[in-house]
Amino acid sequence: MISCEESGHICDKSQYHEATLWEKVKFKFHTLFCAMCKQHSKNNTKLTALIDKVKAKNLTSSEKNSIKSAFNKELDKHQ
C-alpha cells in the first residue's frame, strides 16, 4: 500500500500523462480504500478541466475571478 503523499504525487503525474502503468495501478488500489485521496483526484480532475477550457495565457482579473469562483462552486457541491 502506498502513502497518501505518494498517492497525491501519482495523481498529479497522472493528470499530465506522466504516470507509469504500475503507478496508476497502485493509485487506483489506494483510492479504493482512501476517501480523501479519491476526493483529491476528483478535485484535481475538475481543476485540470477548467484550465484546459480556458486555453489562454493572459487572463484579465475578472476572468481569473470567474474561474476561481467556478472552481470553488464545484468544490462546495461535493463537500
Protein backbone atom coordinates (compact mmCIF):
# COMPACT_ATOMS: atom_id res chain seq x y z
CA MET A 1 0.00 0.00 0.00
CA ILE A 2 1.27 3.49 -0.82
CA SER A 3 1.04 6.54 1.41
CA CYS A 4 -1.42 9.37 0.81
CA GLU A 5 1.51 11.64 -0.03
CA GLU A 6 2.71 9.27 -2.75
CA SER A 7 -0.87 8.83 -3.94
CA GLY A 8 -1.21 12.60 -4.37
CA HIS A 9 2.04 12.74 -6.31
CA ILE A 10 0.91 9.94 -8.64
CA CYS A 11 -2.45 11.67 -9.08
CA ASP A 12 -0.70 14.85 -10.17
CA LYS A 13 1.59 12.94 -12.53
CA SER A 14 -1.38 11.12 -13.99
CA GLN A 15 -3.13 14.40 -14.80
CA TYR A 16 -0.18 15.31 -17.02
CA HIS A 17 0.10 11.80 -18.51
CA GLU A 18 3.46 11.21 -16.81
CA ALA A 19 2.50 8.31 -14.51
CA THR A 20 3.54 4.79 -15.39
CA LEU A 21 1.04 1.96 -15.64
CA TRP A 22 2.30 0.49 -12.35
CA GLU A 23 1.88 3.87 -10.60
CA LYS A 24 -1.67 4.14 -11.91
CA VAL A 25 -2.48 0.65 -10.61
CA LYS A 26 -1.07 1.48 -7.17
CA PHE A 27 -3.02 4.76 -7.16
CA LYS A 28 -6.32 3.09 -8.12
CA PHE A 29 -5.86 0.47 -5.43
CA HIS A 30 -5.11 3.17 -2.84
CA THR A 31 -8.21 5.19 -3.76
CA LEU A 32 -10.40 2.14 -3.23
CA PHE A 33 -9.66 2.47 0.49
CA CYS A 34 -8.90 6.18 0.95
CA ALA A 35 -11.81 8.60 0.54
CA MET A 36 -9.59 11.64 0.99
CA CYS A 37 -7.32 10.69 -1.92
CA LYS A 38 -10.33 9.79 -4.03
CA GLN A 39 -11.75 13.29 -3.43
CA HIS A 40 -8.36 14.86 -4.20
CA SER A 41 -8.36 13.04 -7.53
CA LYS A 42 -11.86 14.32 -8.38
CA ASN A 43 -10.90 17.89 -7.48
CA ASN A 44 -7.68 17.63 -9.45
CA THR A 45 -9.61 16.40 -12.50
CA LYS A 46 -12.04 19.32 -12.25
CA LEU A 47 -9.21 21.82 -11.94
CA THR A 48 -7.45 20.38 -14.99
CA ALA A 49 -10.70 20.53 -16.97
CA LEU A 50 -11.22 24.17 -16.04
CA ILE A 51 -7.68 25.08 -17.04
CA ASP A 52 -8.00 23.21 -20.33
CA LYS A 53 -11.22 25.10 -21.01
CA VAL A 54 -9.50 28.45 -20.73
CA LYS A 55 -6.51 27.75 -23.01
CA ALA A 56 -5.36 31.36 -22.67
CA LYS A 57 -2.04 32.53 -21.30
CA ASN A 58 -3.08 36.05 -20.36
CA LEU A 59 -6.29 36.36 -18.41
CA THR A 60 -7.92 39.50 -17.13
CA SER A 61 -8.64 39.82 -13.42
CA SER A 62 -12.34 39.27 -13.98
CA GLU A 63 -11.64 36.07 -15.96
CA LYS A 64 -9.36 34.80 -13.20
CA ASN A 65 -12.03 35.56 -10.58
CA SER A 66 -14.65 33.81 -12.71
CA ILE A 67 -12.53 30.66 -12.95
CA LYS A 68 -11.78 30.75 -9.23
CA SER A 69 -15.46 31.19 -8.46
CA ALA A 70 -16.47 28.27 -10.71
CA PHE A 71 -13.83 26.05 -9.14
CA ASN A 72 -14.88 26.92 -5.58
CA LYS A 73 -18.53 26.36 -6.51
CA GLU A 74 -17.71 22.87 -7.78
CA LEU A 75 -15.72 22.11 -4.62
CA ASP A 76 -18.59 23.24 -2.41
CA LYS A 77 -21.02 20.96 -4.25
CA HIS A 78 -19.04 17.89 -3.29
CA GLN A 79 -18.22 18.65 0.33
